[in-house]
Amino acid sequence: MDSKIVVFICLVGVASASVIAPVPVARVDPLPQYSYGYDVQDTLTGDFKGHQENRNGDLVTGSYSVVDPDGTRRIVDYTADPLNGFNAVVRREPLVVAAPARVVAPAPIVAPAPVVAPARVFASAPIVAPGPYYARAPFAPAPLLAPRLPAPVYF
């Protein structure tokens, strides 16, 4: 009886192994092309950055920029291809912020106000004797809790 069960399990295993789902064939684009980019200009948080990239076949070109904490704009221009690999050129530019134009009207001429000295009130303050002087105890190092042992020697 046991041998019949073992044979049945083997037959079920062989039957299930022979049913193989077809493997989907991946379609490969021989000339991939794309272009994308983004730009962030957030004056509330001070986040200014951008990125753009173009791909035509195996040649990828692009650049990105970010404002560093030191107030300079870092711009990275890069290219990538199978022959030369990835190459990047980094440059820094000072961040120029245009100040808004201000219209300054001339101040009106006003006669100076007369200077009046404030009234001074003198009151006698009570004399307080200094309190007792407490001297600090001299510094005493804490006693060692355990004697120091010599360093172990390994042969």
Protein backbone atom coordinates (compact mmCIF):
# COMPACT_ATOMS: atom_id res chain seq x y z
CA MET A 1 0.00 0.00 0.00
CA ASP A 2 2.84 2.39 0.86
CA SER A 3 4.52 1.81 -2.47
CA LYS A 4 1.30 2.74 -4.30
CA ILE A 5 1.20 6.07 -2.46
CA VAL A 6 4.85 6.78 -3.28
CA VAL A 7 4.30 5.95 -6.96
CA PHE A 8 1.18 8.16 -7.07
CA ILE A 9 3.09 11.12 -5.54
CA CYS A 10 5.91 10.65 -8.06
CA LEU A 11 3.46 10.58 -10.97
CA VAL A 12 1.74 13.76 -9.74
CA GLY A 13 5.14 15.43 -9.42
CA VAL A 14 6.20 14.46 -12.94
CA ALA A 15 2.84 15.54 -14.38
CA SER A 16 2.97 18.95 -12.68
CA ALA A 17 6.60 19.50 -13.71
CA SER A 18 5.85 18.84 -17.34
CA VAL A 19 3.31 21.71 -17.46
CA ILE A 20 5.49 24.79 -17.95
CA ALA A 21 4.07 28.23 -18.47
CA PRO A 22 5.50 30.01 -21.50
CA VAL A 23 8.11 32.62 -20.61
CA PRO A 24 7.13 36.07 -21.88
CA VAL A 25 9.66 37.49 -24.29
CA ALA A 26 10.87 40.94 -23.27
CA ARG A 27 10.58 43.54 -25.98
CA VAL A 28 13.70 45.66 -26.21
CA ASP A 29 13.60 49.05 -27.87
CA PRO A 30 16.62 49.23 -30.20
CA LEU A 31 16.70 53.06 -30.08
CA PRO A 32 15.34 54.34 -26.72
CA GLN A 33 14.56 58.05 -26.65
CA TYR A 34 13.22 60.25 -23.89
CA SER A 35 13.49 63.74 -22.51
CA TYR A 36 12.41 65.03 -19.11
CA GLY A 37 13.09 67.81 -16.67
CA TYR A 38 11.86 69.59 -13.57
CA ASP A 39 12.46 72.89 -11.79
CA VAL A 40 11.76 73.77 -8.14
CA GLN A 41 11.67 77.43 -7.01
CA ASP A 42 10.46 77.50 -3.38
CA THR A 43 11.16 80.88 -1.80
CA LEU A 44 9.52 79.87 1.50
CA THR A 45 12.04 77.11 2.27
CA GLY A 46 14.85 78.34 0.03
CA ASP A 47 14.81 75.16 -2.06
CA PHE A 48 15.99 75.96 -5.58
CA LYS A 49 16.94 73.07 -7.85
CA GLY A 50 16.40 71.75 -11.33
CA HIS A 51 17.22 68.79 -13.57
CA GLN A 52 16.90 68.01 -17.26
CA GLU A 53 17.99 64.92 -19.18
CA ASN A 54 17.82 63.75 -22.82
CA ARG A 55 18.47 60.28 -24.20
CA ASN A 56 18.93 59.31 -27.81
CA GLY A 57 19.91 55.65 -28.13
CA ASP A 58 22.93 54.99 -25.91
CA LEU A 59 23.87 58.67 -25.54
CA VAL A 60 22.53 60.38 -22.40
CA THR A 61 23.13 64.10 -21.76
CA GLY A 62 21.80 66.26 -19.00
CA SER A 63 22.45 68.70 -16.21
CA TYR A 64 21.18 69.51 -12.77
CA SER A 65 21.61 72.45 -10.44
CA VAL A 66 21.17 72.99 -6.73
CA VAL A 67 21.75 75.94 -4.40
CA ASP A 68 24.36 75.06 -1.77
CA PRO A 69 24.19 76.39 1.80
CA ASP A 70 27.14 78.72 1.14
CA GLY A 71 25.04 80.71 -1.34
CA THR A 72 26.46 79.37 -4.59
CA ARG A 73 24.65 77.49 -7.32
CA ARG A 74 26.28 74.16 -8.19
CA ILE A 75 25.66 73.11 -11.79
CA VAL A 76 26.62 69.63 -12.99
CA ASP A 77 26.63 68.90 -16.75
CA TYR A 78 27.02 65.22 -17.61
CA THR A 79 27.13 62.80 -20.53
CA ALA A 80 27.08 59.01 -20.60
CA ASP A 81 27.71 56.62 -23.47
CA PRO A 82 29.06 53.07 -23.83
CA LEU A 83 32.42 54.23 -25.20
CA ASN A 84 33.42 56.91 -22.63
CA GLY A 85 31.26 55.96 -19.66
CA PHE A 86 29.87 58.63 -17.33
CA ASN A 87 31.55 62.04 -17.42
CA ALA A 88 30.51 65.03 -15.33
CA VAL A 89 31.68 68.65 -15.22
CA VAL A 90 30.91 70.56 -12.03
CA ARG A 91 30.91 74.35 -11.91
CA ARG A 92 29.87 76.86 -9.28
CA GLU A 93 28.28 80.23 -9.83
CA PRO A 94 27.56 82.90 -7.23
CA LEU A 95 23.87 83.23 -6.56
CA VAL A 96 22.76 86.72 -7.61
CA VAL A 97 19.57 87.91 -6.01
CA ALA A 98 18.15 91.09 -7.50
CA ALA A 99 17.06 93.53 -4.84
CA PRO A 100 13.67 95.12 -5.42
CA ALA A 101 13.81 98.71 -6.59
CA ARG A 102 13.06 101.14 -3.79
CA VAL A 103 11.52 104.53 -4.26
CA VAL A 104 12.80 106.83 -1.56
CA ALA A 105 10.80 109.95 -0.89
CA PRO A 106 12.59 112.88 0.74
CA ALA A 107 11.94 113.13 4.45
CA PRO A 108 9.90 116.12 5.56
CA ILE A 109 11.80 118.85 7.39
CA VAL A 110 10.58 119.16 10.94
CA ALA A 111 11.82 121.58 13.58
CA PRO A 112 13.53 119.78 16.46
CA ALA A 113 11.52 119.44 19.65
CA PRO A 114 12.78 121.32 22.70
CA VAL A 115 14.86 119.19 25.06
CA VAL A 116 13.52 119.07 28.59
CA ALA A 117 15.64 117.46 31.29
CA PRO A 118 13.76 114.86 33.33
CA ALA A 119 13.21 115.55 37.00
CA ARG A 120 15.58 113.59 39.22
CA VAL A 121 14.49 112.04 42.48
CA PHE A 122 17.16 111.06 44.98
CA ALA A 123 16.38 108.59 47.71
CA SER A 124 18.74 107.15 50.23
CA ALA A 125 19.29 103.41 49.87
CA PRO A 126 19.79 101.27 52.97
CA ILE A 127 23.33 100.11 53.58
CA VAL A 128 23.61 96.34 53.79
CA ALA A 129 26.60 94.64 55.37
CA PRO A 130 28.14 91.79 53.41
CA GLY A 131 27.22 88.27 54.51
CA PRO A 132 29.61 85.69 55.90
CA TYR A 133 32.42 84.50 53.66
CA TYR A 134 32.64 80.78 53.03
CA ALA A 135 36.00 79.49 51.79
CA ARG A 136 36.14 76.52 49.48
CA ALA A 137 37.75 73.35 50.71
CA PRO A 138 41.05 72.50 49.03
CA PHE A 139 40.83 70.03 46.18
CA ALA A 140 41.42 66.45 47.20
CA PRO A 141 41.44 63.67 44.62
CA ALA A 142 39.06 60.80 45.14
CA PRO A 143 40.68 57.68 46.58
CA LEU A 144 41.32 54.82 44.18
CA LEU A 145 38.78 52.06 44.59
CA ALA A 146 40.96 49.23 43.29
CA PRO A 147 44.70 48.91 43.02
CA ARG A 148 46.15 49.17 39.55
CA LEU A 149 47.38 45.93 38.09
CA PRO A 150 50.30 45.67 35.68
CA ALA A 151 49.49 45.26 32.00
CA PRO A 152 49.33 41.63 30.87
CA VAL A 153 52.32 40.30 28.96
CA TYR A 154 51.67 37.83 26.14
CA PHE A 155 54.34 35.41 24.93
